[in-house]
Protein backbone atom coordinates (compact mmCIF):
# COMPACT_ATOMS: atom_id res chain seq x y z
CA MET A 1 -14.78 3.89 -6.73
CA TYR A 2 -13.59 0.36 -7.12
CA GLN A 3 -14.91 -1.50 -10.06
CA GLN A 4 -15.01 -5.21 -9.88
CA ASN A 5 -13.92 -7.20 -12.85
CA PRO A 6 -17.02 -8.79 -14.36
CA GLY A 7 -15.04 -11.88 -15.57
CA MET A 8 -13.75 -12.62 -12.23
CA TYR A 9 -15.47 -15.25 -9.92
CA PRO A 10 -15.66 -15.04 -7.04
CA PRO A 11 -15.59 -11.14 -7.06
CA LEU A 12 -12.63 -9.48 -5.47
CA GLN A 13 -13.06 -7.37 -2.36
CA LEU A 14 -10.70 -4.64 -0.87
CA ALA A 15 -9.03 -5.36 2.28
CA ILE A 16 -10.03 -3.38 5.32
CA ALA A 17 -7.10 -2.43 7.62
CA THR A 18 -7.51 -1.14 11.11
CA VAL A 19 -4.44 0.57 12.65
CA PRO A 20 -4.49 1.98 16.08
CA SER A 21 -3.14 5.35 16.67
CA GLN A 22 0.32 5.52 18.30
CA ARG A 23 0.91 7.92 21.11
CA TYR A 24 3.95 10.23 20.81
CA GLU A 25 5.63 9.32 24.15
CA LYS A 26 8.90 7.66 25.11
CA LEU A 27 10.58 8.38 21.87
CA TYR A 28 14.10 7.25 21.02
CA PRO A 29 16.71 9.61 20.02
CA VAL A 30 17.26 9.48 16.09
CA GLU A 31 20.42 7.36 16.22
CA LYS A 32 19.00 4.81 18.50
CA ALA A 33 15.77 4.76 16.58
CA LEU A 34 17.49 3.98 13.31
CA SER A 35 19.46 1.14 14.82
CA ARG A 36 16.29 -0.34 16.37
CA GLY A 37 13.95 0.20 13.48
CA THR A 38 11.39 2.13 15.55
CA LEU A 39 11.01 5.61 17.03
CA PHE A 40 8.73 4.33 19.79
CA GLU A 41 10.12 2.52 22.96
CA ALA A 42 6.77 0.56 23.13
CA LEU A 43 7.23 -1.07 19.75
CA TYR A 44 10.63 -2.29 20.20
CA LEU A 45 10.18 -5.97 20.70
CA PRO A 46 13.40 -7.80 19.69
CA PHE A 47 13.21 -11.37 18.66
CA GLU A 48 14.12 -13.79 21.33
CA GLY A 49 13.99 -17.11 19.53
CA GLY A 50 14.10 -20.64 20.99
CA ARG A 51 12.14 -22.47 23.40
CA GLU A 52 12.99 -20.05 26.26
CA GLY A 53 11.93 -17.15 24.22
CA ARG A 54 9.14 -14.78 25.18
CA HIS A 55 5.70 -15.84 23.75
CA VAL A 56 3.00 -13.14 23.46
């Protein structure tokens, strides 16, 4: 169990992370996944900088 440091004010809290599960579909081959930095096609979002870039 997490013990708070009694000398710290305000007391520290642990962060809560929520991560949605990823479906194993539309996977890249290993070589392509390594070059793109992701195994999942749906997660490949290349940076398109500039004013004409895609904004999500």
